[in-house]
Amino acid sequence: MSWINHLYVIYQKLDAPGCEEVKHNILKAQIDGCNRGEIYFSVLQQLVHIKVEKAPVYELIKGEVENIIQYSREQYLN
């Protein structure tokens, strides 16, 4: 599964009450990127911010975030 598919699962999970701002911030990072690599790193940066600043929300999406990080290991470090 590609990282973008994991991102869509994250969006679905963030439809939960109290997660709207987090979802908006990730979506904004995705929209602000102008090419595939830049979008990926913008979204990844936002996810790291969520891990630090909004730990309860991060726990909700932790599995998908780890899959997105694994994608970067496979794509960019090989």
N, C-alpha and C. Protein backbone atom coordinates (compact mmCIF):
# COMPACT_ATOMS: atom_id res chain seq x y z
N MET A 1 0.85 -1.17 0.00
CA MET A 1 0.00 0.00 0.00
C MET A 1 0.90 1.24 0.00
N SER A 2 0.56 2.22 -0.79
CA SER A 2 1.38 3.43 -0.84
C SER A 2 1.08 4.33 0.36
N TRP A 3 1.98 5.26 0.60
CA TRP A 3 1.83 6.15 1.76
C TRP A 3 0.55 6.96 1.67
N ILE A 4 0.14 7.31 0.47
CA ILE A 4 -1.05 8.15 0.32
C ILE A 4 -2.31 7.38 0.75
N ASN A 5 -2.31 6.07 0.54
CA ASN A 5 -3.44 5.26 1.01
C ASN A 5 -3.51 5.25 2.53
N HIS A 6 -2.35 5.18 3.18
CA HIS A 6 -2.32 5.25 4.65
C HIS A 6 -2.80 6.63 5.12
N LEU A 7 -2.45 7.65 4.36
CA LEU A 7 -2.89 9.00 4.71
C LEU A 7 -4.42 9.10 4.65
N TYR A 8 -5.03 8.48 3.67
CA TYR A 8 -6.49 8.51 3.59
C TYR A 8 -7.13 7.79 4.77
N VAL A 9 -6.52 6.72 5.25
CA VAL A 9 -7.02 6.04 6.44
C VAL A 9 -6.92 6.98 7.65
N ILE A 10 -5.81 7.71 7.72
CA ILE A 10 -5.64 8.69 8.80
C ILE A 10 -6.77 9.72 8.74
N TYR A 11 -7.07 10.22 7.54
CA TYR A 11 -8.16 11.20 7.41
C TYR A 11 -9.47 10.62 7.91
N GLN A 12 -9.75 9.37 7.60
CA GLN A 12 -10.99 8.74 8.05
C GLN A 12 -11.02 8.66 9.57
N LYS A 13 -9.91 8.28 10.18
CA LYS A 13 -9.86 8.19 11.63
C LYS A 13 -9.99 9.56 12.29
N LEU A 14 -9.49 10.59 11.61
CA LEU A 14 -9.53 11.93 12.18
C LEU A 14 -10.88 12.61 11.98
N ASP A 15 -11.85 11.88 11.46
CA ASP A 15 -13.22 12.39 11.42
C ASP A 15 -13.86 12.33 12.80
N ALA A 16 -13.17 11.70 13.74
CA ALA A 16 -13.67 11.59 15.11
C ALA A 16 -13.77 12.97 15.76
N PRO A 17 -14.70 13.15 16.67
CA PRO A 17 -14.83 14.43 17.36
C PRO A 17 -13.52 14.83 18.05
N GLY A 18 -13.19 16.10 17.95
CA GLY A 18 -11.99 16.63 18.58
C GLY A 18 -10.74 16.53 17.73
N CYS A 19 -10.85 15.94 16.55
CA CYS A 19 -9.67 15.76 15.69
C CYS A 19 -9.71 16.63 14.43
N GLU A 20 -10.72 17.47 14.32
CA GLU A 20 -10.92 18.25 13.09
C GLU A 20 -9.73 19.15 12.79
N GLU A 21 -9.19 19.81 13.80
CA GLU A 21 -8.06 20.73 13.59
C GLU A 21 -6.83 19.97 13.10
N VAL A 22 -6.58 18.81 13.68
CA VAL A 22 -5.44 18.00 13.27
C VAL A 22 -5.60 17.58 11.81
N LYS A 23 -6.79 17.11 11.46
CA LYS A 23 -7.06 16.70 10.08
C LYS A 23 -6.85 17.88 9.13
N HIS A 24 -7.34 19.04 9.51
CA HIS A 24 -7.19 20.23 8.69
C HIS A 24 -5.70 20.56 8.48
N ASN A 25 -4.90 20.47 9.52
CA ASN A 25 -3.49 20.80 9.42
C ASN A 25 -2.74 19.83 8.51
N ILE A 26 -3.08 18.55 8.58
CA ILE A 26 -2.44 17.58 7.68
C ILE A 26 -2.87 17.84 6.25
N LEU A 27 -4.15 18.07 6.05
CA LEU A 27 -4.66 18.35 4.70
C LEU A 27 -4.01 19.60 4.13
N LYS A 28 -3.83 20.62 4.95
CA LYS A 28 -3.17 21.84 4.49
C LYS A 28 -1.73 21.55 4.07
N ALA A 29 -1.02 20.73 4.84
CA ALA A 29 0.35 20.36 4.47
C ALA A 29 0.36 19.62 3.15
N GLN A 30 -0.62 18.78 2.92
CA GLN A 30 -0.69 18.04 1.66
C GLN A 30 -0.95 18.99 0.50
N ILE A 31 -1.86 19.91 0.69
CA ILE A 31 -2.21 20.84 -0.38
C ILE A 31 -1.07 21.82 -0.68
N ASP A 32 -0.34 22.24 0.37
CA ASP A 32 0.73 23.21 0.20
C ASP A 32 1.93 22.65 -0.57
N GLY A 33 2.11 21.33 -0.56
CA GLY A 33 3.21 20.73 -1.31
C GLY A 33 2.96 20.85 -2.80
N CYS A 34 4.01 21.04 -3.58
CA CYS A 34 3.78 21.25 -5.01
C CYS A 34 4.21 20.05 -5.86
N ASN A 35 4.92 19.10 -5.28
CA ASN A 35 5.23 17.88 -6.01
C ASN A 35 5.22 16.71 -5.06
N ARG A 36 5.29 15.53 -5.58
CA ARG A 36 5.10 14.32 -4.77
C ARG A 36 6.05 14.26 -3.57
N GLY A 37 7.32 14.47 -3.75
CA GLY A 37 8.28 14.42 -2.64
C GLY A 37 8.05 15.51 -1.62
N GLU A 38 7.76 16.70 -2.08
CA GLU A 38 7.53 17.81 -1.17
C GLU A 38 6.24 17.59 -0.37
N ILE A 39 5.22 17.05 -1.00
CA ILE A 39 3.98 16.74 -0.30
C ILE A 39 4.25 15.72 0.79
N TYR A 40 4.98 14.69 0.45
CA TYR A 40 5.28 13.63 1.42
C TYR A 40 5.98 14.21 2.64
N PHE A 41 7.01 14.99 2.42
CA PHE A 41 7.77 15.53 3.55
C PHE A 41 6.98 16.57 4.34
N SER A 42 6.12 17.33 3.68
CA SER A 42 5.27 18.28 4.40
C SER A 42 4.30 17.54 5.31
N VAL A 43 3.69 16.48 4.79
CA VAL A 43 2.76 15.69 5.59
C VAL A 43 3.51 14.99 6.72
N LEU A 44 4.67 14.44 6.43
CA LEU A 44 5.45 13.76 7.46
C LEU A 44 5.83 14.72 8.58
N GLN A 45 6.21 15.92 8.24
CA GLN A 45 6.53 16.93 9.24
C GLN A 45 5.31 17.22 10.12
N GLN A 46 4.16 17.31 9.53
CA GLN A 46 2.94 17.56 10.29
C GLN A 46 2.63 16.38 11.22
N LEU A 47 2.85 15.16 10.75
CA LEU A 47 2.61 13.98 11.58
C LEU A 47 3.55 13.94 12.78
N VAL A 48 4.80 14.33 12.58
CA VAL A 48 5.75 14.39 13.69
C VAL A 48 5.29 15.44 14.70
N HIS A 49 4.81 16.56 14.21
CA HIS A 49 4.29 17.61 15.09
C HIS A 49 3.13 17.07 15.93
N ILE A 50 2.25 16.30 15.32
CA ILE A 50 1.11 15.72 16.04
C ILE A 50 1.62 14.77 17.12
N LYS A 51 2.64 13.99 16.79
CA LYS A 51 3.19 13.04 17.78
C LYS A 51 3.68 13.78 19.02
N VAL A 52 4.28 14.93 18.83
CA VAL A 52 4.84 15.70 19.95
C VAL A 52 3.76 16.50 20.67
N GLU A 53 2.89 17.15 19.91
CA GLU A 53 1.94 18.11 20.49
C GLU A 53 0.58 17.53 20.85
N LYS A 54 0.18 16.46 20.20
CA LYS A 54 -1.18 15.92 20.41
C LYS A 54 -1.11 14.40 20.53
N ALA A 55 -0.45 13.94 21.57
CA ALA A 55 -0.21 12.51 21.76
C ALA A 55 -1.48 11.65 21.72
N PRO A 56 -2.60 12.08 22.32
CA PRO A 56 -3.80 11.23 22.25
C PRO A 56 -4.29 11.02 20.81
N VAL A 57 -4.21 12.05 20.00
CA VAL A 57 -4.61 11.93 18.60
C VAL A 57 -3.60 11.05 17.86
N TYR A 58 -2.34 11.22 18.17
CA TYR A 58 -1.31 10.40 17.53
C TYR A 58 -1.55 8.91 17.78
N GLU A 59 -1.96 8.57 19.00
CA GLU A 59 -2.23 7.16 19.32
C GLU A 59 -3.31 6.58 18.42
N LEU A 60 -4.26 7.42 18.00
CA LEU A 60 -5.34 6.99 17.12
C LEU A 60 -4.83 6.62 15.73
N ILE A 61 -3.78 7.30 15.27
CA ILE A 61 -3.28 7.12 13.91
C ILE A 61 -1.87 6.53 13.85
N LYS A 62 -1.39 6.07 14.98
CA LYS A 62 0.00 5.61 15.10
C LYS A 62 0.37 4.54 14.07
N GLY A 63 -0.47 3.55 13.86
CA GLY A 63 -0.17 2.47 12.91
C GLY A 63 0.03 2.99 11.51
N GLU A 64 -0.83 3.88 11.07
CA GLU A 64 -0.71 4.45 9.72
C GLU A 64 0.52 5.33 9.61
N VAL A 65 0.82 6.09 10.66
CA VAL A 65 2.02 6.94 10.64
C VAL A 65 3.26 6.06 10.50
N GLU A 66 3.31 4.98 11.24
CA GLU A 66 4.46 4.07 11.15
C GLU A 66 4.57 3.48 9.75
N ASN A 67 3.45 3.19 9.11
CA ASN A 67 3.47 2.68 7.73
C ASN A 67 3.99 3.73 6.77
N ILE A 68 3.62 4.99 6.99
CA ILE A 68 4.12 6.07 6.14
C ILE A 68 5.62 6.24 6.32
N ILE A 69 6.10 6.15 7.55
CA ILE A 69 7.54 6.24 7.81
C ILE A 69 8.26 5.07 7.15
N GLN A 70 7.69 3.88 7.24
CA GLN A 70 8.29 2.70 6.60
C GLN A 70 8.38 2.91 5.09
N TYR A 71 7.38 3.55 4.51
CA TYR A 71 7.41 3.84 3.07
C TYR A 71 8.65 4.64 2.73
N SER A 72 8.96 5.64 3.55
CA SER A 72 10.14 6.47 3.25
C SER A 72 11.42 5.66 3.36
N ARG A 73 11.46 4.76 4.29
CA ARG A 73 12.65 3.90 4.41
C ARG A 73 12.83 3.07 3.16
N GLU A 74 11.74 2.54 2.66
CA GLU A 74 11.80 1.69 1.47
C GLU A 74 12.12 2.49 0.21
N GLN A 75 11.53 3.68 0.08
CA GLN A 75 11.68 4.45 -1.14
C GLN A 75 12.92 5.32 -1.20
N TYR A 76 13.26 5.93 -0.10
CA TYR A 76 14.30 6.96 -0.12
C TYR A 76 15.63 6.50 0.43
N LEU A 77 15.66 5.40 1.17
CA LEU A 77 16.91 4.97 1.75
C LEU A 77 17.52 3.78 1.03
N ASN A 78 16.82 3.21 0.09
CA ASN A 78 17.36 2.07 -0.68
C ASN A 78 17.98 2.53 -1.96
